[in-house]
Amino acid sequence: NRVMRWCQGAKEGMIVVDGNGEGQQANQFGDPVGLSFDRQGNL
C-alpha cells in the first residue's frame, strides 16, 4: 500500500506516497494499482 521511486541503478527505492498502512485517509491506500502522470508532473 505505497508508491515507490527507484532511480536507475539504485539498490533500494524510496517511498514517495503513503507508507502509512492500509486505510481510507488521504495519506493511505487500499491496494494501489495503476499510475499515471499529467503534463504538470502530478501523479
Full PDB file with SEQRES, HELIX, SHEET, SSBOND, CRYST1, ORIGX, SCALE, CONECT and MASTER records, all heavy atoms in Angstrom:
SEQRES   1 A   43  ASN ARG VAL MET ARG TRP CYS GLN GLY ALA LYS GLU GLY          
SEQRES   2 A   43  MET ILE VAL VAL ASP GLY ASN GLY GLU GLY GLN GLN ALA          
SEQRES   3 A   43  ASN GLN PHE GLY ASP PRO VAL GLY LEU SER PHE ASP ARG          
SEQRES   4 A   43  GLN GLY ASN LEU                                              
SHEET    1 AA1 2 ARG A   2  ARG A   5  0                                        
SHEET    2 AA1 2 MET A  14  ASP A  18 -1                                        
CRYST1    1.000    1.000    1.000  90.00  90.00  90.00 P 1           1          
ORIGX1      1.000000  0.000000  0.000000        0.00000                         
ORIGX2      0.000000  1.000000  0.000000        0.00000                         
ORIGX3      0.000000  0.000000  1.000000        0.00000                         
SCALE1      1.000000  0.000000  0.000000        0.00000                         
SCALE2      0.000000  1.000000  0.000000        0.00000                         
SCALE3      0.000000  0.000000  1.000000        0.00000                         
ATOM      1  N   ASN A   1       0.819  -1.220   0.000  1.00  0.00           N  
ATOM      2  CA  ASN A   1       0.000   0.000   0.000  1.00  0.00           C  
ATOM      3  C   ASN A   1       0.852   1.269   0.000  1.00  0.00           C  
ATOM      4  O   ASN A   1       0.706   2.155   0.850  1.00  0.00           O  
ATOM      5  CB  ASN A   1      -0.959  -0.011   1.196  1.00  0.00           C  
ATOM      6  CG  ASN A   1      -2.072  -1.015   1.019  1.00  0.00           C  
ATOM      7  OD1 ASN A   1      -2.917  -0.873   0.137  1.00  0.00           O  
ATOM      8  ND2 ASN A   1      -2.054  -2.063   1.831  1.00  0.00           N  
ATOM      9  N   ARG A   2       1.734   1.344  -1.005  1.00  0.00           N  
ATOM     10  CA  ARG A   2       2.605   2.506  -1.143  1.00  0.00           C  
ATOM     11  C   ARG A   2       3.045   2.635  -2.590  1.00  0.00           C  
ATOM     12  O   ARG A   2       2.920   1.687  -3.375  1.00  0.00           O  
ATOM     13  CB  ARG A   2       3.827   2.387  -0.225  1.00  0.00           C  
ATOM     14  CG  ARG A   2       4.747   1.215  -0.583  1.00  0.00           C  
ATOM     15  CD  ARG A   2       5.825   0.974   0.465  1.00  0.00           C  
ATOM     16  NE  ARG A   2       6.734  -0.100   0.047  1.00  0.00           N  
ATOM     17  CZ  ARG A   2       7.742  -0.570   0.778  1.00  0.00           C  
ATOM     18  NH1 ARG A   2       7.954  -0.064   1.994  1.00  0.00           N  
ATOM     19  NH2 ARG A   2       8.538  -1.531   0.315  1.00  0.00           N  
ATOM     20  N   VAL A   3       3.564   3.813  -2.943  1.00  0.00           N  
ATOM     21  CA  VAL A   3       4.191   4.023  -4.245  1.00  0.00           C  
ATOM     22  C   VAL A   3       5.667   4.285  -4.000  1.00  0.00           C  
ATOM     23  O   VAL A   3       6.034   5.156  -3.200  1.00  0.00           O  
ATOM     24  CB  VAL A   3       3.547   5.193  -5.011  1.00  0.00           C  
ATOM     25  CG1 VAL A   3       4.296   5.455  -6.311  1.00  0.00           C  
ATOM     26  CG2 VAL A   3       2.079   4.906  -5.305  1.00  0.00           C  
ATOM     27  N   MET A   4       6.503   3.533  -4.693  1.00  0.00           N  
ATOM     28  CA  MET A   4       7.954   3.631  -4.536  1.00  0.00           C  
ATOM     29  C   MET A   4       8.574   4.293  -5.762  1.00  0.00           C  
ATOM     30  O   MET A   4       8.057   4.190  -6.872  1.00  0.00           O  
ATOM     31  CB  MET A   4       8.566   2.236  -4.383  1.00  0.00           C  
ATOM     32  CG  MET A   4       8.045   1.436  -3.217  1.00  0.00           C  
ATOM     33  SD  MET A   4       8.759   1.988  -1.668  1.00  0.00           S  
ATOM     34  CE  MET A   4      10.466   1.420  -1.856  1.00  0.00           C  
ATOM     35  N   ARG A   5       9.715   4.973  -5.546  1.00  0.00           N  
ATOM     36  CA  ARG A   5      10.504   5.521  -6.649  1.00  0.00           C  
ATOM     37  C   ARG A   5      11.906   4.943  -6.571  1.00  0.00           C  
ATOM     38  O   ARG A   5      12.543   4.966  -5.530  1.00  0.00           O  
ATOM     39  CB  ARG A   5      10.561   7.044  -6.575  1.00  0.00           C  
ATOM     40  CG  ARG A   5      11.425   7.660  -7.694  1.00  0.00           C  
ATOM     41  CD  ARG A   5      11.271   9.172  -7.733  1.00  0.00           C  
ATOM     42  NE  ARG A   5      11.766   9.794  -6.514  1.00  0.00           N  
ATOM     43  CZ  ARG A   5      11.301  10.954  -6.026  1.00  0.00           C  
ATOM     44  NH1 ARG A   5      10.323  11.602  -6.646  1.00  0.00           N  
ATOM     45  NH2 ARG A   5      11.793  11.457  -4.917  1.00  0.00           N  
ATOM     46  N   TRP A   6      12.349   4.426  -7.720  1.00  0.00           N  
ATOM     47  CA  TRP A   6      13.684   3.835  -7.808  1.00  0.00           C  
ATOM     48  C   TRP A   6      14.463   4.590  -8.883  1.00  0.00           C  
ATOM     49  O   TRP A   6      14.033   4.667 -10.042  1.00  0.00           O  
ATOM     50  CB  TRP A   6      13.603   2.359  -8.190  1.00  0.00           C  
ATOM     51  CG  TRP A   6      12.931   1.507  -7.152  1.00  0.00           C  
ATOM     52  CD1 TRP A   6      11.627   1.566  -6.777  1.00  0.00           C  
ATOM     53  CD2 TRP A   6      13.528   0.486  -6.361  1.00  0.00           C  
ATOM     54  NE1 TRP A   6      11.376   0.630  -5.803  1.00  0.00           N  
ATOM     55  CE2 TRP A   6      12.511  -0.046  -5.522  1.00  0.00           C  
ATOM     56  CE3 TRP A   6      14.822  -0.045  -6.284  1.00  0.00           C  
ATOM     57  CZ2 TRP A   6      12.755  -1.078  -4.621  1.00  0.00           C  
ATOM     58  CZ3 TRP A   6      15.063  -1.073  -5.385  1.00  0.00           C  
ATOM     59  CH2 TRP A   6      14.054  -1.575  -4.565  1.00  0.00           C  
ATOM     60  N   CYS A   7      15.603   5.159  -8.518  1.00  0.00           N  
ATOM     61  CA  CYS A   7      16.487   5.773  -9.511  1.00  0.00           C  
ATOM     62  C   CYS A   7      17.214   4.663 -10.272  1.00  0.00           C  
ATOM     63  O   CYS A   7      17.416   3.560  -9.747  1.00  0.00           O  
ATOM     64  CB  CYS A   7      17.495   6.694  -8.835  1.00  0.00           C  
ATOM     65  SG  CYS A   7      16.741   8.103  -7.998  1.00  0.00           S  
ATOM     66  N   GLN A   8      17.606   4.967 -11.498  1.00  0.00           N  
ATOM     67  CA  GLN A   8      18.314   3.975 -12.301  1.00  0.00           C  
ATOM     68  C   GLN A   8      19.583   3.534 -11.583  1.00  0.00           C  
ATOM     69  O   GLN A   8      20.388   4.344 -11.144  1.00  0.00           O  
ATOM     70  CB  GLN A   8      18.679   4.564 -13.666  1.00  0.00           C  
ATOM     71  CG  GLN A   8      17.476   4.890 -14.544  1.00  0.00           C  
ATOM     72  CD  GLN A   8      16.906   3.674 -15.259  1.00  0.00           C  
ATOM     73  OE1 GLN A   8      17.383   2.564 -15.079  1.00  0.00           O  
ATOM     74  NE2 GLN A   8      15.884   3.884 -16.074  1.00  0.00           N  
ATOM     75  N   GLY A   9      19.748   2.215 -11.426  1.00  0.00           N  
ATOM     76  CA  GLY A   9      20.946   1.661 -10.805  1.00  0.00           C  
ATOM     77  C   GLY A   9      20.911   1.623  -9.296  1.00  0.00           C  
ATOM     78  O   GLY A   9      21.852   1.125  -8.667  1.00  0.00           O  
ATOM     79  N   ALA A  10      19.850   2.132  -8.669  1.00  0.00           N  
ATOM     80  CA  ALA A  10      19.774   2.170  -7.211  1.00  0.00           C  
ATOM     81  C   ALA A  10      19.558   0.775  -6.636  1.00  0.00           C  
ATOM     82  O   ALA A  10      18.889  -0.065  -7.241  1.00  0.00           O  
ATOM     83  CB  ALA A  10      18.653   3.098  -6.763  1.00  0.00           C  
ATOM     84  N   LYS A  11      20.117   0.526  -5.459  1.00  0.00           N  
ATOM     85  CA  LYS A  11      19.944  -0.751  -4.773  1.00  0.00           C  
ATOM     86  C   LYS A  11      18.678  -0.779  -3.935  1.00  0.00           C  
ATOM     87  O   LYS A  11      18.231  -1.850  -3.528  1.00  0.00           O  
ATOM     88  CB  LYS A  11      21.166  -1.039  -3.897  1.00  0.00           C  
ATOM     89  CG  LYS A  11      22.477  -1.155  -4.668  1.00  0.00           C  
ATOM     90  CD  LYS A  11      22.422  -2.289  -5.693  1.00  0.00           C  
ATOM     91  CE  LYS A  11      23.755  -2.429  -6.427  1.00  0.00           C  
ATOM     92  NZ  LYS A  11      23.696  -3.490  -7.469  1.00  0.00           N  
ATOM     93  N   GLU A  12      18.134   0.394  -3.642  1.00  0.00           N  
ATOM     94  CA  GLU A  12      16.881   0.454  -2.908  1.00  0.00           C  
ATOM     95  C   GLU A  12      16.082   1.655  -3.376  1.00  0.00           C  
ATOM     96  O   GLU A  12      16.618   2.600  -3.962  1.00  0.00           O  
ATOM     97  CB  GLU A  12      17.115   0.520  -1.398  1.00  0.00           C  
ATOM     98  CG  GLU A  12      17.850   1.746  -0.932  1.00  0.00           C  
ATOM     99  CD  GLU A  12      18.049   1.752   0.582  1.00  0.00           C  
ATOM    100  OE1 GLU A  12      18.270   0.664   1.164  1.00  0.00           O  
ATOM    101  OE2 GLU A  12      17.988   2.848   1.177  1.00  0.00           O  
ATOM    102  N   GLY A  13      14.789   1.613  -3.123  1.00  0.00           N  
ATOM    103  CA  GLY A  13      13.919   2.701  -3.531  1.00  0.00           C  
ATOM    104  C   GLY A  13      13.593   3.606  -2.364  1.00  0.00           C  
ATOM    105  O   GLY A  13      14.107   3.436  -1.254  1.00  0.00           O  
ATOM    106  N   MET A  14      12.727   4.569  -2.631  1.00  0.00           N  
ATOM    107  CA  MET A  14      12.238   5.432  -1.564  1.00  0.00           C  
ATOM    108  C   MET A  14      10.719   5.518  -1.683  1.00  0.00           C  
ATOM    109  O   MET A  14      10.153   5.411  -2.769  1.00  0.00           O  
ATOM    110  CB  MET A  14      12.860   6.825  -1.649  1.00  0.00           C  
ATOM    111  CG  MET A  14      12.498   7.625  -2.879  1.00  0.00           C  
ATOM    112  SD  MET A  14      13.197   9.293  -2.861  1.00  0.00           S  
ATOM    113  CE  MET A  14      12.306  10.018  -1.483  1.00  0.00           C  
ATOM    114  N   ILE A  15      10.075   5.682  -0.539  1.00  0.00           N  
ATOM    115  CA  ILE A  15       8.625   5.817  -0.522  1.00  0.00           C  
ATOM    116  C   ILE A  15       8.276   7.250  -0.889  1.00  0.00           C  
ATOM    117  O   ILE A  15       8.727   8.191  -0.227  1.00  0.00           O  
ATOM    118  CB  ILE A  15       8.045   5.468   0.862  1.00  0.00           C  
ATOM    119  CG1 ILE A  15       8.410   4.030   1.232  1.00  0.00           C  
ATOM    120  CG2 ILE A  15       6.529   5.657   0.863  1.00  0.00           C  
ATOM    121  CD1 ILE A  15       8.077   3.674   2.672  1.00  0.00           C  
ATOM    122  N   VAL A  16       7.509   7.440  -1.942  1.00  0.00           N  
ATOM    123  CA  VAL A  16       7.129   8.794  -2.356  1.00  0.00           C  
ATOM    124  C   VAL A  16       5.684   9.108  -2.009  1.00  0.00           C  
ATOM    125  O   VAL A  16       5.313  10.278  -1.898  1.00  0.00           O  
ATOM    126  CB  VAL A  16       7.369   9.017  -3.866  1.00  0.00           C  
ATOM    127  CG1 VAL A  16       8.844   9.013  -4.175  1.00  0.00           C  
ATOM    128  CG2 VAL A  16       6.643   7.993  -4.711  1.00  0.00           C  
ATOM    129  N   VAL A  17       4.864   8.096  -1.852  1.00  0.00           N  
ATOM    130  CA  VAL A  17       3.467   8.308  -1.462  1.00  0.00           C  
ATOM    131  C   VAL A  17       3.071   7.203  -0.493  1.00  0.00           C  
ATOM    132  O   VAL A  17       3.303   6.022  -0.758  1.00  0.00           O  
ATOM    133  CB  VAL A  17       2.516   8.285  -2.675  1.00  0.00           C  
ATOM    134  CG1 VAL A  17       1.088   8.523  -2.216  1.00  0.00           C  
ATOM    135  CG2 VAL A  17       2.910   9.322  -3.711  1.00  0.00           C  
ATOM    136  N   ASP A  18       2.471   7.600   0.621  1.00  0.00           N  
ATOM    137  CA  ASP A  18       1.890   6.690   1.596  1.00  0.00           C  
ATOM    138  C   ASP A  18       2.967   6.046   2.466  1.00  0.00           C  
ATOM    139  O   ASP A  18       3.856   6.723   2.935  1.00  0.00           O  
ATOM    140  CB  ASP A  18       1.011   5.659   0.913  1.00  0.00           C  
ATOM    141  CG  ASP A  18       0.025   5.018   1.882  1.00  0.00           C  
ATOM    142  OD1 ASP A  18       0.248   5.110   3.098  1.00  0.00           O  
ATOM    143  OD2 ASP A  18      -0.961   4.436   1.424  1.00  0.00           O  
ATOM    144  N   GLY A  19       2.886   4.720   2.618  1.00  0.00           N  
ATOM    145  CA  GLY A  19       3.724   4.061   3.605  1.00  0.00           C  
ATOM    146  C   GLY A  19       3.113   4.115   4.984  1.00  0.00           C  
ATOM    147  O   GLY A  19       3.783   3.839   5.990  1.00  0.00           O  
ATOM    148  N   ASN A  20       1.832   4.476   5.068  1.00  0.00           N  
ATOM    149  CA  ASN A  20       1.143   4.598   6.355  1.00  0.00           C  
ATOM    150  C   ASN A  20       0.153   3.467   6.601  1.00  0.00           C  
ATOM    151  O   ASN A  20      -0.780   3.614   7.382  1.00  0.00           O  
ATOM    152  CB  ASN A  20       0.412   5.947   6.412  1.00  0.00           C  
ATOM    153  CG  ASN A  20       1.365   7.119   6.312  1.00  0.00           C  
ATOM    154  OD1 ASN A  20       2.234   7.287   7.153  1.00  0.00           O  
ATOM    155  ND2 ASN A  20       1.224   7.912   5.257  1.00  0.00           N  
ATOM    156  N   GLY A  21       0.364   2.365   5.919  1.00  0.00           N  
ATOM    157  CA  GLY A  21      -0.513   1.228   6.104  1.00  0.00           C  
ATOM    158  C   GLY A  21      -1.815   1.362   5.334  1.00  0.00           C  
ATOM    159  O   GLY A  21      -2.156   2.426   4.831  1.00  0.00           O  
ATOM    160  N   GLU A  22      -2.545   0.266   5.248  1.00  0.00           N  
ATOM    161  CA  GLU A  22      -3.815   0.279   4.522  1.00  0.00           C  
ATOM    162  C   GLU A  22      -4.847   1.122   5.250  1.00  0.00           C  
ATOM    163  O   GLU A  22      -4.955   1.083   6.477  1.00  0.00           O  
ATOM    164  CB  GLU A  22      -4.336  -1.146   4.358  1.00  0.00           C  
ATOM    165  CG  GLU A  22      -5.641  -1.231   3.581  1.00  0.00           C  
ATOM    166  CD  GLU A  22      -6.125  -2.661   3.404  1.00  0.00           C  
ATOM    167  OE1 GLU A  22      -5.321  -3.594   3.602  1.00  0.00           O  
ATOM    168  OE2 GLU A  22      -7.309  -2.836   3.061  1.00  0.00           O  
ATOM    169  N   GLY A  23      -5.605   1.907   4.493  1.00  0.00           N  
ATOM    170  CA  GLY A  23      -6.641   2.724   5.099  1.00  0.00           C  
ATOM    171  C   GLY A  23      -7.320   3.614   4.095  1.00  0.00           C  
ATOM    172  O   GLY A  23      -7.015   3.569   2.890  1.00  0.00           O  
ATOM    173  N   GLN A  24      -8.221   4.447   4.580  1.00  0.00           N  
ATOM    174  CA  GLN A  24      -9.025   5.311   3.717  1.00  0.00           C  
ATOM    175  C   GLN A  24      -8.668   6.779   3.846  1.00  0.00           C  
ATOM    176  O   GLN A  24      -9.309   7.619   3.208  1.00  0.00           O  
ATOM    177  CB  GLN A  24     -10.515   5.116   4.047  1.00  0.00           C  
ATOM    178  CG  GLN A  24     -11.005   3.696   3.823  1.00  0.00           C  
ATOM    179  CD  GLN A  24     -12.456   3.509   4.217  1.00  0.00           C  
ATOM    180  OE1 GLN A  24     -13.088   4.405   4.783  1.00  0.00           O  
ATOM    181  NE2 GLN A  24     -13.009   2.341   3.913  1.00  0.00           N  
ATOM    182  N   GLN A  25      -7.658   7.108   4.655  1.00  0.00           N  
ATOM    183  CA  GLN A  25      -7.271   8.505   4.809  1.00  0.00           C  
ATOM    184  C   GLN A  25      -6.552   8.998   3.560  1.00  0.00           C  
ATOM    185  O   GLN A  25      -6.148   8.208   2.691  1.00  0.00           O  
ATOM    186  CB  GLN A  25      -6.375   8.674   6.043  1.00  0.00           C  
ATOM    187  CG  GLN A  25      -7.010   8.200   7.334  1.00  0.00           C  
ATOM    188  CD  GLN A  25      -8.309   8.903   7.636  1.00  0.00           C  
ATOM    189  OE1 GLN A  25      -8.401  10.136   7.557  1.00  0.00           O  
ATOM    190  NE2 GLN A  25      -9.344   8.133   7.974  1.00  0.00           N  
ATOM    191  N   ALA A  26      -6.359  10.324   3.467  1.00  0.00           N  
ATOM    192  CA  ALA A  26      -5.719  10.908   2.285  1.00  0.00           C  
ATOM    193  C   ALA A  26      -4.267  10.462   2.139  1.00  0.00           C  
ATOM    194  O   ALA A  26      -3.708  10.516   1.036  1.00  0.00           O  
ATOM    195  CB  ALA A  26      -5.799  12.432   2.346  1.00  0.00           C  
ATOM    196  N   ASN A  27      -3.642  10.044   3.238  1.00  0.00           N  
ATOM    197  CA  ASN A  27      -2.250   9.589   3.177  1.00  0.00           C  
ATOM    198  C   ASN A  27      -2.151   8.068   3.248  1.00  0.00           C  
ATOM    199  O   ASN A  27      -1.130   7.518   3.627  1.00  0.00           O  
ATOM    200  CB  ASN A  27      -1.438  10.218   4.302  1.00  0.00           C  
ATOM    201  CG  ASN A  27      -1.901   9.771   5.685  1.00  0.00           C  
ATOM    202  OD1 ASN A  27      -2.980   9.188   5.829  1.00  0.00           O  
ATOM    203  ND2 ASN A  27      -1.097  10.040   6.696  1.00  0.00           N  
ATOM    204  N   GLN A  28      -3.230   7.395   2.849  1.00  0.00           N  
ATOM    205  CA  GLN A  28      -3.242   5.937   2.856  1.00  0.00           C  
ATOM    206  C   GLN A  28      -3.827   5.394   1.548  1.00  0.00           C  
ATOM    207  O   GLN A  28      -4.499   6.110   0.811  1.00  0.00           O  
ATOM    208  CB  GLN A  28      -4.081   5.418   4.034  1.00  0.00           C  
ATOM    209  CG  GLN A  28      -3.491   5.713   5.398  1.00  0.00           C  
ATOM    210  CD  GLN A  28      -4.383   5.195   6.501  1.00  0.00           C  
ATOM    211  OE1 GLN A  28      -5.573   5.496   6.555  1.00  0.00           O  
ATOM    212  NE2 GLN A  28      -3.810   4.396   7.405  1.00  0.00           N  
ATOM    213  N   PHE A  29      -3.545   4.104   1.297  1.00  0.00           N  
ATOM    214  CA  PHE A  29      -4.098   3.407   0.148  1.00  0.00           C  
ATOM    215  C   PHE A  29      -4.812   2.138   0.594  1.00  0.00           C  
ATOM    216  O   PHE A  29      -4.571   1.621   1.684  1.00  0.00           O  
ATOM    217  CB  PHE A  29      -3.000   2.992  -0.838  1.00  0.00           C  
ATOM    218  CG  PHE A  29      -2.378   4.115  -1.613  1.00  0.00           C  
ATOM    219  CD1 PHE A  29      -1.000   4.316  -1.581  1.00  0.00           C  
ATOM    220  CD2 PHE A  29      -3.145   4.973  -2.374  1.00  0.00           C  
ATOM    221  CE1 PHE A  29      -0.414   5.335  -2.297  1.00  0.00           C  
ATOM    222  CE2 PHE A  29      -2.572   5.996  -3.092  1.00  0.00           C  
ATOM    223  CZ  PHE A  29      -1.202   6.178  -3.054  1.00  0.00           C  
ATOM    224  N   GLY A  30      -5.637   1.640  -0.298  1.00  0.00           N  
ATOM    225  CA  GLY A  30      -6.175   0.296  -0.192  1.00  0.00           C  
ATOM    226  C   GLY A  30      -5.952  -0.395  -1.526  1.00  0.00           C  
ATOM    227  O   GLY A  30      -6.782  -0.327  -2.425  1.00  0.00           O  
ATOM    228  N   ASP A  31      -4.787  -1.006  -1.678  1.00  0.00           N  
ATOM    229  CA  ASP A  31      -4.402  -1.704  -2.917  1.00  0.00           C  
ATOM    230  C   ASP A  31      -4.226  -0.744  -4.090  1.00  0.00           C  
ATOM    231  O   ASP A  31      -5.068  -0.677  -5.005  1.00  0.00           O  
ATOM    232  CB  ASP A  31      -5.423  -2.774  -3.287  1.00  0.00           C  
ATOM    233  CG  ASP A  31      -5.528  -3.871  -2.240  1.00  0.00           C  
ATOM    234  OD1 ASP A  31      -4.627  -3.956  -1.387  1.00  0.00           O  
ATOM    235  OD2 ASP A  31      -6.503  -4.637  -2.280  1.00  0.00           O  
ATOM    236  N   PRO A  32      -3.143   0.040  -4.124  1.00  0.00           N  
ATOM    237  CA  PRO A  32      -2.881   0.887  -5.283  1.00  0.00           C  
ATOM    238  C   PRO A  32      -2.553   0.051  -6.510  1.00  0.00           C  
ATOM    239  O   PRO A  32      -1.852  -0.947  -6.417  1.00  0.00           O  
ATOM    240  CB  PRO A  32      -1.667   1.717  -4.841  1.00  0.00           C  
ATOM    241  CG  PRO A  32      -0.959   0.839  -3.853  1.00  0.00           C  
ATOM    242  CD  PRO A  32      -2.055   0.097  -3.137  1.00  0.00           C  
ATOM    243  N   VAL A  33      -3.087   0.475  -7.659  1.00  0.00           N  
ATOM    244  CA  VAL A  33      -2.915  -0.335  -8.871  1.00  0.00           C  
ATOM    245  C   VAL A  33      -2.253   0.487  -9.984  1.00  0.00           C  
ATOM    246  O   VAL A  33      -1.056   0.403 -10.191  1.00  0.00           O  
ATOM    247  CB  VAL A  33      -4.263  -0.919  -9.336  1.00  0.00           C  
ATOM    248  CG1 VAL A  33      -4.061  -1.819 -10.542  1.00  0.00           C  
ATOM    249  CG2 VAL A  33      -4.910  -1.729  -8.219  1.00  0.00           C  
ATOM    250  N   GLY A  34      -3.031   1.282 -10.706  1.00  0.00           N  
ATOM    251  CA  GLY A  34      -2.494   1.995 -11.868  1.00  0.00           C  
ATOM    252  C   GLY A  34      -1.879   3.334 -11.510  1.00  0.00           C  
ATOM    253  O   GLY A  34      -2.286   3.994 -10.556  1.00  0.00           O  
ATOM    254  N   LEU A  35      -0.878   3.741 -12.298  1.00  0.00           N  
ATOM    255  CA  LEU A  35      -0.195   5.016 -12.125  1.00  0.00           C  
ATOM    256  C   LEU A  35      -0.216   5.798 -13.429  1.00  0.00           C  
ATOM    257  O   LEU A  35      -0.136   5.216 -14.516  1.00  0.00           O  
ATOM    258  CB  LEU A  35       1.267   4.813 -11.714  1.00  0.00           C  
ATOM    259  CG  LEU A  35       1.564   4.004 -10.455  1.00  0.00           C  
ATOM    260  CD1 LEU A  35       3.069   3.893 -10.262  1.00  0.00           C  
ATOM    261  CD2 LEU A  35       0.917   4.636  -9.235  1.00  0.00           C  
ATOM    262  N   SER A  36      -0.262   7.130 -13.311  1.00  0.00           N  
ATOM    263  CA  SER A  36      -0.188   7.980 -14.493  1.00  0.00           C  
ATOM    264  C   SER A  36       0.292   9.367 -14.085  1.00  0.00           C  
ATOM    265  O   SER A  36       0.015   9.821 -12.975  1.00  0.00           O  
ATOM    266  CB  SER A  36      -1.559   8.077 -15.172  1.00  0.00           C  
ATOM    267  OG  SER A  36      -1.480   8.850 -16.350  1.00  0.00           O  
ATOM    268  N   PHE A  37       1.019  10.043 -14.989  1.00  0.00           N  
ATOM    269  CA  PHE A  37       1.418  11.429 -14.800  1.00  0.00           C  
ATOM    270  C   PHE A  37       0.623  12.323 -15.743  1.00  0.00           C  
ATOM    271  O   PHE A  37       0.268  11.920 -16.854  1.00  0.00           O  
ATOM    272  CB  PHE A  37       2.904  11.626 -15.124  1.00  0.00           C  
ATOM    273  CG  PHE A  37       3.840  11.161 -14.047  1.00  0.00           C  
ATOM    274  CD1 PHE A  37       4.738  10.132 -14.285  1.00  0.00           C  
ATOM    275  CD2 PHE A  37       3.848  11.766 -12.800  1.00  0.00           C  
ATOM    276  CE1 PHE A  37       5.613   9.704 -13.304  1.00  0.00           C  
ATOM    277  CE2 PHE A  37       4.716  11.353 -11.811  1.00  0.00           C  
ATOM    278  CZ  PHE A  37       5.599  10.318 -12.062  1.00  0.00           C  
ATOM    279  N   ASP A  38       0.369  13.573 -15.325  1.00  0.00           N  
ATOM    280  CA  ASP A  38      -0.136  14.567 -16.267  1.00  0.00           C  
ATOM    281  C   ASP A  38       1.026  15.447 -16.730  1.00  0.00           C  
ATOM    282  O   ASP A  38       2.179  15.236 -16.348  1.00  0.00           O  
ATOM    283  CB  ASP A  38      -1.289  15.386 -15.666  1.00  0.00           C  
ATOM    284  CG  ASP A  38      -0.872  16.239 -14.471  1.00  0.00           C  
ATOM    285  OD1 ASP A  38       0.338  16.475 -14.286  1.00  0.00           O  
ATOM    286  OD2 ASP A  38      -1.768  16.691 -13.726  1.00  0.00           O  
ATOM    287  N   ARG A  39       0.746  16.436 -17.551  1.00  0.00           N  
ATOM    288  CA  ARG A  39       1.810  17.259 -18.139  1.00  0.00           C  
ATOM    289  C   ARG A  39       2.514  18.128 -17.116  1.00  0.00           C  
ATOM    290  O   ARG A  39       3.623  18.598 -17.338  1.00  0.00           O  
ATOM    291  CB  ARG A  39       1.225  18.130 -19.258  1.00  0.00           C  
ATOM    292  CG  ARG A  39       0.764  17.325 -20.464  1.00  0.00           C  
ATOM    293  CD  ARG A  39       0.212  18.209 -21.560  1.00  0.00           C  
ATOM    294  NE  ARG A  39      -0.212  17.435 -22.719  1.00  0.00           N  
ATOM    295  CZ  ARG A  39      -0.751  17.967 -23.797  1.00  0.00           C  
ATOM    296  NH1 ARG A  39      -0.958  19.280 -23.866  1.00  0.00           N  
ATOM    297  NH2 ARG A  39      -1.109  17.194 -24.813  1.00  0.00           N  
ATOM    298  N   GLN A  40       1.860  18.368 -15.982  1.00  0.00           N  
ATOM    299  CA  GLN A  40       2.457  19.173 -14.922  1.00  0.00           C  
ATOM    300  C   GLN A  40       3.266  18.324 -13.940  1.00  0.00           C  
ATOM    301  O   GLN A  40       3.850  18.854 -12.989  1.00  0.00           O  
ATOM    302  CB  GLN A  40       1.366  19.933 -14.153  1.00  0.00           C  
ATOM    303  CG  GLN A  40       0.768  21.114 -14.900  1.00  0.00           C  
ATOM    304  CD  GLN A  40      -0.141  20.664 -16.038  1.00  0.00           C  
ATOM    305  OE1 GLN A  40      -0.957  19.757 -15.865  1.00  0.00           O  
ATOM    306  NE2 GLN A  40       0.000  21.285 -17.201  1.00  0.00           N  
ATOM    307  N   GLY A  41       3.311  17.019 -14.173  1.00  0.00           N  
ATOM    308  CA  GLY A  41       4.088  16.147 -13.307  1.00  0.00           C  
ATOM    309  C   GLY A  41       3.343  15.639 -12.092  1.00  0.00           C  
ATOM    310  O   GLY A  41       3.932  15.022 -11.200  1.00  0.00           O  
ATOM    311  N   ASN A  42       2.033  15.890 -12.024  1.00  0.00           N  
ATOM    312  CA  ASN A  42       1.237  15.340 -10.932  1.00  0.00           C  
ATOM    313  C   ASN A  42       1.038  13.836 -11.145  1.00  0.00           C  
ATOM    314  O   ASN A  42       0.851  13.382 -12.267  1.00  0.00           O  
ATOM    315  CB  ASN A  42      -0.122  16.032 -10.861  1.00  0.00           C  
ATOM    316  CG  ASN A  42      -0.012  17.509 -10.551  1.00  0.00           C  
ATOM    317  OD1 ASN A  42       0.577  17.900  -9.551  1.00  0.00           O  
ATOM    318  ND2 ASN A  42      -0.559  18.342 -11.428  1.00  0.00           N  
ATOM    319  N   LEU A  43       1.087  13.114 -10.042  1.00  0.00           N  
ATOM    320  CA  LEU A  43       0.945  11.664 -10.090  1.00  0.00           C  
ATOM    321  C   LEU A  43      -0.480  11.276  -9.709  1.00  0.00           C  
ATOM    322  O   LEU A  43      -1.007  11.742  -8.697  1.00  0.00           O  
ATOM    323  CB  LEU A  43       1.927  11.001  -9.122  1.00  0.00           C  
ATOM    324  CG  LEU A  43       1.859   9.476  -9.015  1.00  0.00           C  
ATOM    325  CD1 LEU A  43       2.308   8.816 -10.315  1.00  0.00           C  
ATOM    326  CD2 LEU A  43       2.710   8.988  -7.844  1.00  0.00           C  
TER     327      LEU A  43                                                      
MASTER        0    0    0    0    2    0    0    6  326    1    0    4          
END                                                                             
